[in-house]
PDB file of N, CA and C in Angstrom:
ATOM      1  N   UNK A   1     180.601 102.248 139.045  1.00  0.00           N
ATOM      2  CA  UNK A   1     181.802 102.519 138.283  1.00  0.00           C
ATOM      3  C   UNK A   1     182.981 101.764 138.870  1.00  0.00           C
ATOM      4  N   UNK A   2     183.863 101.371 138.007  1.00  0.00           N
ATOM      5  CA  UNK A   2     185.058 100.687 138.471  1.00  0.00           C
ATOM      6  C   UNK A   2     186.046 101.705 139.038  1.00  0.00           C
ATOM      7  N   UNK A   3     186.894 101.235 139.880  1.00  0.00           N
ATOM      8  CA  UNK A   3     187.865 102.110 140.526  1.00  0.00           C
ATOM      9  C   UNK A   3     188.767 102.789 139.505  1.00  0.00           C
ATOM     10  N   UNK A   4     189.232 102.034 138.539  1.00  0.00           N
ATOM     11  CA  UNK A   4     190.136 102.601 137.534  1.00  0.00           C
ATOM     12  C   UNK A   4     189.457 103.722 136.749  1.00  0.00           C
ATOM     13  N   UNK A   5     188.175 103.552 136.453  1.00  0.00           N
ATOM     14  CA  UNK A   5     187.442 104.603 135.742  1.00  0.00           C
ATOM     15  C   UNK A   5     187.354 105.871 136.588  1.00  0.00           C
ATOM     16  N   UNK A   6     187.098 105.700 137.878  1.00  0.00           N
ATOM     17  CA  UNK A   6     187.043 106.854 138.775  1.00  0.00           C
ATOM     18  C   UNK A   6     188.386 107.564 138.856  1.00  0.00           C
ATOM     19  N   UNK A   7     189.440 106.780 138.947  1.00  0.00           N
ATOM     20  CA  UNK A   7     190.779 107.363 139.010  1.00  0.00           C
ATOM     21  C   UNK A   7     191.074 108.130 137.737  1.00  0.00           C
ATOM     22  N   UNK A   8     190.757 107.530 136.580  1.00  0.00           N
ATOM     23  CA  UNK A   8     191.013 108.215 135.315  1.00  0.00           C
ATOM     24  C   UNK A   8     190.217 109.510 135.200  1.00  0.00           C
ATOM     25  N   UNK A   9     188.964 109.497 135.640  1.00  0.00           N
ATOM     26  CA  UNK A   9     188.151 110.718 135.596  1.00  0.00           C
ATOM     27  C   UNK A   9     188.727 111.781 136.522  1.00  0.00           C
ATOM     28  N   UNK A  10     189.139 111.367 137.706  1.00  0.00           N
ATOM     29  CA  UNK A  10     189.726 112.325 138.651  1.00  0.00           C
ATOM     30  C   UNK A  10     191.015 112.921 138.093  1.00  0.00           C
ATOM     31  N   UNK A  11     191.853 112.079 137.497  1.00  0.00           N
ATOM     32  CA  UNK A  11     193.104 112.580 136.925  1.00  0.00           C
ATOM     33  C   UNK A  11     192.839 113.494 135.734  1.00  0.00           C
ATOM     34  N   UNK A  12     191.860 113.162 134.924  1.00  0.00           N
ATOM     35  CA  UNK A  12     191.504 114.028 133.790  1.00  0.00           C
ATOM     36  C   UNK A  12     190.996 115.374 134.300  1.00  0.00           C
ATOM     37  N   UNK A  13     190.173 115.353 135.335  1.00  0.00           N
ATOM     38  CA  UNK A  13     189.693 116.593 135.930  1.00  0.00           C
ATOM     39  C   UNK A  13     190.826 117.413 136.505  1.00  0.00           C
ATOM     40  N   UNK A  14     191.767 116.762 137.129  1.00  0.00           N
ATOM     41  CA  UNK A  14     192.933 117.438 137.678  1.00  0.00           C
ATOM     42  C   UNK A  14     193.764 118.057 136.565  1.00  0.00           C
ATOM     43  N   UNK A  15     193.951 117.309 135.483  1.00  0.00           N
ATOM     44  CA  UNK A  15     194.681 117.849 134.338  1.00  0.00           C
ATOM     45  C   UNK A  15     193.971 119.075 133.782  1.00  0.00           C
ATOM     46  N   UNK A  16     192.650 119.023 133.714  1.00  0.00           N
ATOM     47  CA  UNK A  16     191.869 120.145 133.187  1.00  0.00           C
ATOM     48  C   UNK A  16     192.039 121.382 134.082  1.00  0.00           C
ATOM     49  N   UNK A  17     191.940 121.180 135.402  1.00  0.00           N
ATOM     50  CA  UNK A  17     192.118 122.295 136.326  1.00  0.00           C
ATOM     51  C   UNK A  17     193.522 122.874 136.186  1.00  0.00           C
ATOM     52  N   UNK A  18     194.510 122.000 136.102  1.00  0.00           N
ATOM     53  CA  UNK A  18     195.890 122.458 135.927  1.00  0.00           C
ATOM     54  C   UNK A  18     196.076 123.241 134.640  1.00  0.00           C
ATOM     55  N   UNK A  19     195.463 122.765 133.563  1.00  0.00           N
ATOM     56  CA  UNK A  19     195.554 123.454 132.276  1.00  0.00           C
ATOM     57  C   UNK A  19     194.903 124.834 132.369  1.00  0.00           C
ATOM     58  N   UNK A  20     193.748 124.907 133.007  1.00  0.00           N
ATOM     59  CA  UNK A  20     193.050 126.188 133.143  1.00  0.00           C
ATOM     60  C   UNK A  20     193.865 127.175 133.986  1.00  0.00           C
ATOM     61  N   UNK A  21     194.460 126.674 135.077  1.00  0.00           N
ATOM     62  CA  UNK A  21     195.296 127.545 135.906  1.00  0.00           C
ATOM     63  C   UNK A  21     196.515 128.038 135.142  1.00  0.00           C
ATOM     64  N   UNK A  22     197.090 127.143 134.372  1.00  0.00           N
ATOM     65  CA  UNK A  22     198.255 127.525 133.570  1.00  0.00           C
ATOM     66  C   UNK A  22     197.858 128.549 132.509  1.00  0.00           C
ATOM     67  N   UNK A  23     196.704 128.357 131.891  1.00  0.00           N
ATOM     68  CA  UNK A  23     196.235 129.297 130.876  1.00  0.00           C
ATOM     69  C   UNK A  23     195.977 130.675 131.483  1.00  0.00           C
ATOM     70  N   UNK A  24     195.557 130.714 132.722  1.00  0.00           N
ATOM     71  CA  UNK A  24     195.324 131.989 133.399  1.00  0.00           C
ATOM     72  C   UNK A  24     196.617 132.598 133.947  1.00  0.00           C
ATOM     73  N   UNK A  25     197.697 131.825 133.896  1.00  0.00           N
ATOM     74  CA  UNK A  25     198.986 132.316 134.380  1.00  0.00           C
ATOM     75  C   UNK A  25     199.143 132.220 135.881  1.00  0.00           C
ATOM     76  N   UNK A  26     198.282 131.451 136.528  1.00  0.00           N
ATOM     77  CA  UNK A  26     198.354 131.334 137.986  1.00  0.00           C
ATOM     78  C   UNK A  26     199.507 130.409 138.382  1.00  0.00           C
ATOM     79  N   UNK A  27     199.513 129.194 137.866  1.00  0.00           N
ATOM     80  CA  UNK A  27     200.575 128.233 138.178  1.00  0.00           C
ATOM     81  C   UNK A  27     200.602 127.144 137.124  1.00  0.00           C
ATOM     82  N   UNK A  28     201.767 126.559 136.971  1.00  0.00           N
ATOM     83  CA  UNK A  28     201.875 125.424 136.063  1.00  0.00           C
ATOM     84  C   UNK A  28     202.206 124.141 136.839  1.00  0.00           C
ATOM     85  N   UNK A  29     202.021 124.185 138.152  1.00  0.00           N
ATOM     86  CA  UNK A  29     202.426 123.052 138.995  1.00  0.00           C
ATOM     87  C   UNK A  29     201.260 122.170 139.416  1.00  0.00           C
ATOM     88  N   UNK A  30     200.079 122.422 138.897  1.00  0.00           N
ATOM     89  CA  UNK A  30     198.945 121.568 139.221  1.00  0.00           C
ATOM     90  C   UNK A  30     198.749 120.611 138.057  1.00  0.00           C
ATOM     91  N   UNK A  31     199.193 119.373 138.272  1.00  0.00           N
ATOM     92  CA  UNK A  31     198.977 118.327 137.275  1.00  0.00           C
ATOM     93  C   UNK A  31     199.023 116.976 137.992  1.00  0.00           C
ATOM     94  N   UNK A  32     198.777 115.933 137.255  1.00  0.00           N
ATOM     95  CA  UNK A  32     198.705 114.613 137.883  1.00  0.00           C
ATOM     96  C   UNK A  32     200.033 114.175 138.465  1.00  0.00           C
ATOM     97  N   UNK A  33     201.127 114.601 137.863  1.00  0.00           N
ATOM     98  CA  UNK A  33     202.441 114.151 138.331  1.00  0.00           C
ATOM     99  C   UNK A  33     202.803 114.789 139.671  1.00  0.00           C
ATOM    100  N   UNK A  34     202.630 116.090 139.767  1.00  0.00           N
ATOM    101  CA  UNK A  34     202.952 116.735 141.037  1.00  0.00           C
ATOM    102  C   UNK A  34     201.984 116.318 142.135  1.00  0.00           C
ATOM    103  N   UNK A  35     200.719 116.125 141.768  1.00  0.00           N
ATOM    104  CA  UNK A  35     199.731 115.703 142.765  1.00  0.00           C
ATOM    105  C   UNK A  35     200.028 114.298 143.266  1.00  0.00           C
ATOM    106  N   UNK A  36     200.344 113.383 142.364  1.00  0.00           N
ATOM    107  CA  UNK A  36     200.671 112.015 142.782  1.00  0.00           C
ATOM    108  C   UNK A  36     201.964 111.984 143.597  1.00  0.00           C
ATOM    109  N   UNK A  37     202.935 112.812 143.210  1.00  0.00           N
ATOM    110  CA  UNK A  37     204.173 112.886 143.991  1.00  0.00           C
ATOM    111  C   UNK A  37     203.881 113.379 145.407  1.00  0.00           C
ATOM    112  N   UNK A  38     203.014 114.384 145.510  1.00  0.00           N
ATOM    113  CA  UNK A  38     202.632 114.907 146.821  1.00  0.00           C
ATOM    114  C   UNK A  38     201.919 113.829 147.643  1.00  0.00           C
ATOM    115  N   UNK A  39     201.006 113.125 147.010  1.00  0.00           N
ATOM    116  CA  UNK A  39     200.269 112.066 147.716  1.00  0.00           C
ATOM    117  C   UNK A  39     201.215 110.973 148.192  1.00  0.00           C
ATOM    118  N   UNK A  40     202.145 110.580 147.343  1.00  0.00           N
ATOM    119  CA  UNK A  40     203.092 109.529 147.735  1.00  0.00           C
ATOM    120  C   UNK A  40     203.997 110.005 148.869  1.00  0.00           C
ATOM    121  N   UNK A  41     204.421 111.264 148.809  1.00  0.00           N
ATOM    122  CA  UNK A  41     205.260 111.796 149.885  1.00  0.00           C
ATOM    123  C   UNK A  41     204.489 111.819 151.200  1.00  0.00           C
ATOM    124  N   UNK A  42     203.229 112.232 151.153  1.00  0.00           N
ATOM    125  CA  UNK A  42     202.425 112.261 152.367  1.00  0.00           C
ATOM    126  C   UNK A  42     202.133 110.855 152.880  1.00  0.00           C
ATOM    127  N   UNK A  43     201.987 109.900 151.958  1.00  0.00           N
ATOM    128  CA  UNK A  43     201.772 108.512 152.365  1.00  0.00           C
ATOM    129  C   UNK A  43     202.999 108.009 153.121  1.00  0.00           C
ATOM    130  N   UNK A  44     204.184 108.306 152.615  1.00  0.00           N
ATOM    131  CA  UNK A  44     205.408 107.890 153.304  1.00  0.00           C
ATOM    132  C   UNK A  44     205.550 108.614 154.639  1.00  0.00           C
ATOM    133  N   UNK A  45     205.154 109.868 154.677  1.00  0.00           N
ATOM    134  CA  UNK A  45     205.184 110.616 155.931  1.00  0.00           C
ATOM    135  C   UNK A  45     204.258 109.969 156.957  1.00  0.00           C
ATOM    136  N   UNK A  46     203.071 109.580 156.516  1.00  0.00           N
ATOM    137  CA  UNK A  46     202.118 108.920 157.405  1.00  0.00           C
ATOM    138  C   UNK A  46     202.668 107.587 157.912  1.00  0.00           C
ATOM    139  N   UNK A  47     203.298 106.828 157.018  1.00  0.00           N
ATOM    140  CA  UNK A  47     203.903 105.557 157.452  1.00  0.00           C
ATOM    141  C   UNK A  47     204.962 105.803 158.522  1.00  0.00           C
ATOM    142  N   UNK A  48     205.766 106.832 158.333  1.00  0.00           N
ATOM    143  CA  UNK A  48     206.785 107.171 159.329  1.00  0.00           C
ATOM    144  C   UNK A  48     206.173 107.552 160.658  1.00  0.00           C
ATOM    145  N   UNK A  49     205.109 108.347 160.604  1.00  0.00           N
ATOM    146  CA  UNK A  49     204.430 108.740 161.841  1.00  0.00           C
ATOM    147  C   UNK A  49     203.835 107.523 162.552  1.00  0.00           C
ATOM    148  N   UNK A  50     203.256 106.603 161.793  1.00  0.00           N
ATOM    149  CA  UNK A  50     202.684 105.392 162.397  1.00  0.00           C
ATOM    150  C   UNK A  50     203.772 104.521 163.013  1.00  0.00           C
ATOM    151  N   UNK A  51     204.925 104.412 162.330  1.00  0.00           N
ATOM    152  CA  UNK A  51     206.047 103.650 162.889  1.00  0.00           C
ATOM    153  C   UNK A  51     206.526 104.280 164.190  1.00  0.00           C
ATOM    154  N   UNK A  52     206.594 105.600 164.201  1.00  0.00           N
ATOM    155  CA  UNK A  52     207.018 106.312 165.411  1.00  0.00           C
ATOM    156  C   UNK A  52     206.022 106.077 166.544  1.00  0.00           C
ATOM    157  N   UNK A  53     204.748 106.148 166.224  1.00  0.00           N
ATOM    158  CA  UNK A  53     203.715 105.910 167.229  1.00  0.00           C
ATOM    159  C   UNK A  53     203.785 104.486 167.768  1.00  0.00           C
ATOM    160  N   UNK A  54     203.970 103.511 166.880  1.00  0.00           N
ATOM    161  CA  UNK A  54     204.087 102.117 167.321  1.00  0.00           C
ATOM    162  C   UNK A  54     205.304 101.915 168.209  1.00  0.00           C
ATOM    163  N   UNK A  55     206.405 102.582 167.884  1.00  0.00           N
ATOM    164  CA  UNK A  55     207.608 102.470 168.719  1.00  0.00           C
ATOM    165  C   UNK A  55     207.347 103.036 170.114  1.00  0.00           C
ATOM    166  N   UNK A  56     206.652 104.182 170.179  1.00  0.00           N
ATOM    167  CA  UNK A  56     206.337 104.762 171.486  1.00  0.00           C
ATOM    168  C   UNK A  56     205.381 103.872 172.271  1.00  0.00           C
ATOM    169  N   UNK A  57     204.433 103.265 171.592  1.00  0.00           N
ATOM    170  CA  UNK A  57     203.496 102.352 172.264  1.00  0.00           C
ATOM    171  C   UNK A  57     204.247 101.147 172.811  1.00  0.00           C
ATOM    172  N   UNK A  58     205.146 100.570 172.005  1.00  0.00           N
ATOM    173  CA  UNK A  58     205.922  99.416 172.462  1.00  0.00           C
ATOM    174  C   UNK A  58     206.799  99.789 173.645  1.00  0.00           C
ATOM    175  N   UNK A  59     207.359 100.992 173.610  1.00  0.00           N
ATOM    176  CA  UNK A  59     208.190 101.450 174.714  1.00  0.00           C
ATOM    177  C   UNK A  59     207.371 101.565 175.998  1.00  0.00           C
ATOM    178  N   UNK A  60     206.170 102.092 175.900  1.00  0.00           N
ATOM    179  CA  UNK A  60     205.315 102.226 177.076  1.00  0.00           C
ATOM    180  C   UNK A  60     204.851 100.863 177.587  1.00  0.00           C
ATOM    181  N   UNK A  61     204.580  99.928 176.659  1.00  0.00           N
ATOM    182  CA  UNK A  61     204.208  98.577 177.079  1.00  0.00           C
ATOM    183  C   UNK A  61     205.334  97.946 177.883  1.00  0.00           C
ATOM    184  N   UNK A  62     206.570  98.102 177.409  1.00  0.00           N
ATOM    185  CA  UNK A  62     207.720  97.544 178.121  1.00  0.00           C
ATOM    186  C   UNK A  62     207.860  98.192 179.494  1.00  0.00           C
ATOM    187  N   UNK A  63     207.632  99.498 179.564  1.00  0.00           N
ATOM    188  CA  UNK A  63     207.726 100.211 180.836  1.00  0.00           C
ATOM    189  C   UNK A  63     206.664  99.708 181.813  1.00  0.00           C
ATOM    190  N   UNK A  64     205.435  99.542 181.347  1.00  0.00           N
ATOM    191  CA  UNK A  64     204.354  99.050 182.198  1.00  0.00           C
ATOM    192  C   UNK A  64     204.663  97.633 182.683  1.00  0.00           C
ATOM    193  N   UNK A  65     205.167  96.800 181.795  1.00  0.00           N
ATOM    194  CA  UNK A  65     205.514  95.426 182.181  1.00  0.00           C
ATOM    195  C   UNK A  65     206.614  95.419 183.243  1.00  0.00           C
ATOM    196  N   UNK A  66     207.620  96.283 183.068  1.00  0.00           N
ATOM    197  CA  UNK A  66     208.698  96.370 184.055  1.00  0.00           C
ATOM    198  C   UNK A  66     208.145  96.831 185.406  1.00  0.00           C
ATOM    199  N   UNK A  67     207.263  97.825 185.394  1.00  0.00           N
ATOM    200  CA  UNK A  67     206.659  98.305 186.643  1.00  0.00           C
ATOM    201  C   UNK A  67     205.784  97.233 187.294  1.00  0.00           C
ATOM    202  N   UNK A  68     205.072  96.464 186.469  1.00  0.00           N
ATOM    203  CA  UNK A  68     204.245  95.381 187.002  1.00  0.00           C
ATOM    204  C   UNK A  68     205.110  94.346 187.712  1.00  0.00           C
ATOM    205  N   UNK A  69     206.233  93.992 187.096  1.00  0.00           N
ATOM    206  CA  UNK A  69     207.137  93.003 187.707  1.00  0.00           C
ATOM    207  C   UNK A  69     207.727  93.538 189.004  1.00  0.00           C
ATOM    208  N   UNK A  70     208.088  94.825 189.018  1.00  0.00           N
ATOM    209  CA  UNK A  70     208.633  95.414 190.239  1.00  0.00           C
ATOM    210  C   UNK A  70     207.594  95.422 191.352  1.00  0.00           C
ATOM    211  N   UNK A  71     206.352  95.756 191.013  1.00  0.00           N
ATOM    212  CA  UNK A  71     205.282  95.771 192.015  1.00  0.00           C
ATOM    213  C   UNK A  71     205.017  94.362 192.536  1.00  0.00           C
ATOM    214  N   UNK A  72     205.013  93.390 191.630  1.00  0.00           N
ATOM    215  CA  UNK A  72     204.787  91.998 192.035  1.00  0.00           C
ATOM    216  C   UNK A  72     205.890  91.528 192.974  1.00  0.00           C
ATOM    217  N   UNK A  73     207.128  91.883 192.667  1.00  0.00           N
ATOM    218  CA  UNK A  73     208.250  91.489 193.516  1.00  0.00           C
ATOM    219  C   UNK A  73     208.143  92.168 194.885  1.00  0.00           C
ATOM    220  N   UNK A  74     207.748  93.438 194.876  1.00  0.00           N
ATOM    221  CA  UNK A  74     207.601  94.168 196.128  1.00  0.00           C
ATOM    222  C   UNK A  74     206.518  93.534 197.008  1.00  0.00           C
ATOM    223  N   UNK A  75     205.405  93.160 196.418  1.00  0.00           N
ATOM    224  CA  UNK A  75     204.328  92.519 197.170  1.00  0.00           C
ATOM    225  C   UNK A  75     204.793  91.171 197.714  1.00  0.00           C
ATOM    226  N   UNK A  76     205.440  90.373 196.880  1.00  0.00           N
ATOM    227  CA  UNK A  76     205.922  89.056 197.333  1.00  0.00           C
ATOM    228  C   UNK A  76     206.950  89.195 198.444  1.00  0.00           C
ATOM    229  N   UNK A  77     207.861  90.184 198.293  1.00  0.00           N
ATOM    230  CA  UNK A  77     208.854  90.407 199.352  1.00  0.00           C
ATOM    231  C   UNK A  77     208.179  90.862 200.644  1.00  0.00           C
ATOM    232  N   UNK A  78     207.146  91.702 200.536  1.00  0.00           N
ATOM    233  CA  UNK A  78     206.419  92.160 201.720  1.00  0.00           C
ATOM    234  C   UNK A  78     205.708  91.017 202.423  1.00  0.00           C
ATOM    235  N   UNK A  79     205.091  90.143 201.651  1.00  0.00           N
ATOM    236  CA  UNK A  79     204.405  88.978 202.243  1.00  0.00           C
ATOM    237  C   UNK A  79     205.419  88.072 202.928  1.00  0.00           C
ATOM    238  N   UNK A  80     206.540  87.859 202.279  1.00  0.00           N
ATOM    239  CA  UNK A  80     207.580  87.006 202.871  1.00  0.00           C
ATOM    240  C   UNK A  80     208.129  87.634 204.155  1.00  0.00           C
ATOM    241  N   UNK A  81     208.335  88.949 204.118  1.00  0.00           N
ATOM    242  CA  UNK A  81     208.854  89.648 205.299  1.00  0.00           C
ATOM    243  C   UNK A  81     207.847  89.618 206.450  1.00  0.00           C
ATOM    244  N   UNK A  82     206.571  89.847 206.102  1.00  0.00           N
ATOM    245  CA  UNK A  82     205.538  89.845 207.134  1.00  0.00           C
ATOM    246  C   UNK A  82     205.377  88.463 207.756  1.00  0.00           C
ATOM    247  N   UNK A  83     205.588  87.423 206.995  1.00  0.00           N
ATOM    248  CA  UNK A  83     205.426  86.064 207.511  1.00  0.00           C
ATOM    249  C   UNK A  83     206.660  85.512 208.187  1.00  0.00           C
ATOM    250  N   UNK A  84     207.794  86.193 208.085  1.00  0.00           N
ATOM    251  CA  UNK A  84     209.029  85.640 208.650  1.00  0.00           C
ATOM    252  C   UNK A  84     209.004  85.514 210.177  1.00  0.00           C
ATOM    253  N   UNK A  85     208.442  86.448 210.969  1.00  0.00           N
ATOM    254  CA  UNK A  85     208.412  86.237 212.430  1.00  0.00           C
ATOM    255  C   UNK A  85     207.605  84.997 212.806  1.00  0.00           C
ATOM    256  N   UNK A  86     206.503  84.778 212.104  1.00  0.00           N
ATOM    257  CA  UNK A  86     205.679  83.605 212.393  1.00  0.00           C
ATOM    258  C   UNK A  86     206.471  82.342 212.087  1.00  0.00           C
ATOM    259  N   UNK A  87     207.168  82.342 210.962  1.00  0.00           N
ATOM    260  CA  UNK A  87     207.954  81.170 210.566  1.00  0.00           C
ATOM    261  C   UNK A  87     209.072  80.908 211.574  1.00  0.00           C
ATOM    262  N   UNK A  88     209.736  81.954 212.026  1.00  0.00           N
ATOM    263  CA  UNK A  88     210.805  81.785 213.022  1.00  0.00           C
ATOM    264  C   UNK A  88     210.249  81.254 214.336  1.00  0.00           C
ATOM    265  N   UNK A  89     209.086  81.747 214.714  1.00  0.00           N
ATOM    266  CA  UNK A  89     208.451  81.276 215.950  1.00  0.00           C
ATOM    267  C   UNK A  89     208.089  79.798 215.829  1.00  0.00           C
ATOM    268  N   UNK A  90     207.518  79.396 214.704  1.00  0.00           N
ATOM    269  CA  UNK A  90     207.173  77.987 214.493  1.00  0.00           C
ATOM    270  C   UNK A  90     208.417  77.115 214.500  1.00  0.00           C
ATOM    271  N   UNK A  91     209.470  77.570 213.844  1.00  0.00           N
ATOM    272  CA  UNK A  91     210.723  76.810 213.827  1.00  0.00           C
ATOM    273  C   UNK A  91     211.288  76.677 215.239  1.00  0.00           C
ATOM    274  N   UNK A  92     211.214  77.751 216.015  1.00  0.00           N
ATOM    275  CA  UNK A  92     211.709  77.713 217.392  1.00  0.00           C
ATOM    276  C   UNK A  92     210.907  76.723 218.250  1.00  0.00           C
ATOM    277  N   UNK A  93     209.573  76.775 218.110  1.00  0.00           N
ATOM    278  CA  UNK A  93     208.729  75.866 218.894  1.00  0.00           C
ATOM    279  C   UNK A  93     208.956  74.409 218.508  1.00  0.00           C
ATOM    280  N   UNK A  94     209.109  74.154 217.223  1.00  0.00           N
ATOM    281  CA  UNK A  94     209.385  72.788 216.779  1.00  0.00           C
ATOM    282  C   UNK A  94     210.681  72.274 217.356  1.00  0.00           C
ATOM    283  N   UNK A  95     211.693  73.132 217.396  1.00  0.00           N
ATOM    284  CA  UNK A  95     212.991  72.699 217.927  1.00  0.00           C
ATOM    285  C   UNK A  95     212.904  72.440 219.447  1.00  0.00           C
ATOM    286  N   UNK A  96     212.077  73.167 220.160  1.00  0.00           N
ATOM    287  CA  UNK A  96     211.925  72.981 221.595  1.00  0.00           C
ATOM    288  C   UNK A  96     211.101  71.738 221.921  1.00  0.00           C
ATOM    289  N   UNK A  97     210.156  71.418 221.055  1.00  0.00           N
ATOM    290  CA  UNK A  97     209.278  70.271 221.310  1.00  0.00           C
ATOM    291  C   UNK A  97     209.981  68.957 220.996  1.00  0.00           C
ATOM    292  N   UNK A  98     211.022  68.979 220.281  1.00  0.00           N
ATOM    293  CA  UNK A  98     211.703  67.727 219.918  1.00  0.00           C
ATOM    294  C   UNK A  98     212.747  67.345 220.883  1.00  0.00           C
TER     295      UNK A  98
END
């Protein structure tokens, strides 16, 4: 079956259920218009939730990147600091040998 045929059958079935409920006096709010409005509202709600989730993910990525850079700088500074006495000693010996 084609998609449009399935949609039309589903909407016709929905209309029938809505008509039966209305005839029984239960509700008159079950029809294709209210159902489609509900679906569209939920679709927009889902899009908003996904946008919010993506924003939080991007925020965490930026935080991780910032922490990575800080850790890298700390390691490089530590290596430079640890090597500085050796460098000073070599510089001192070179100056004495000349």
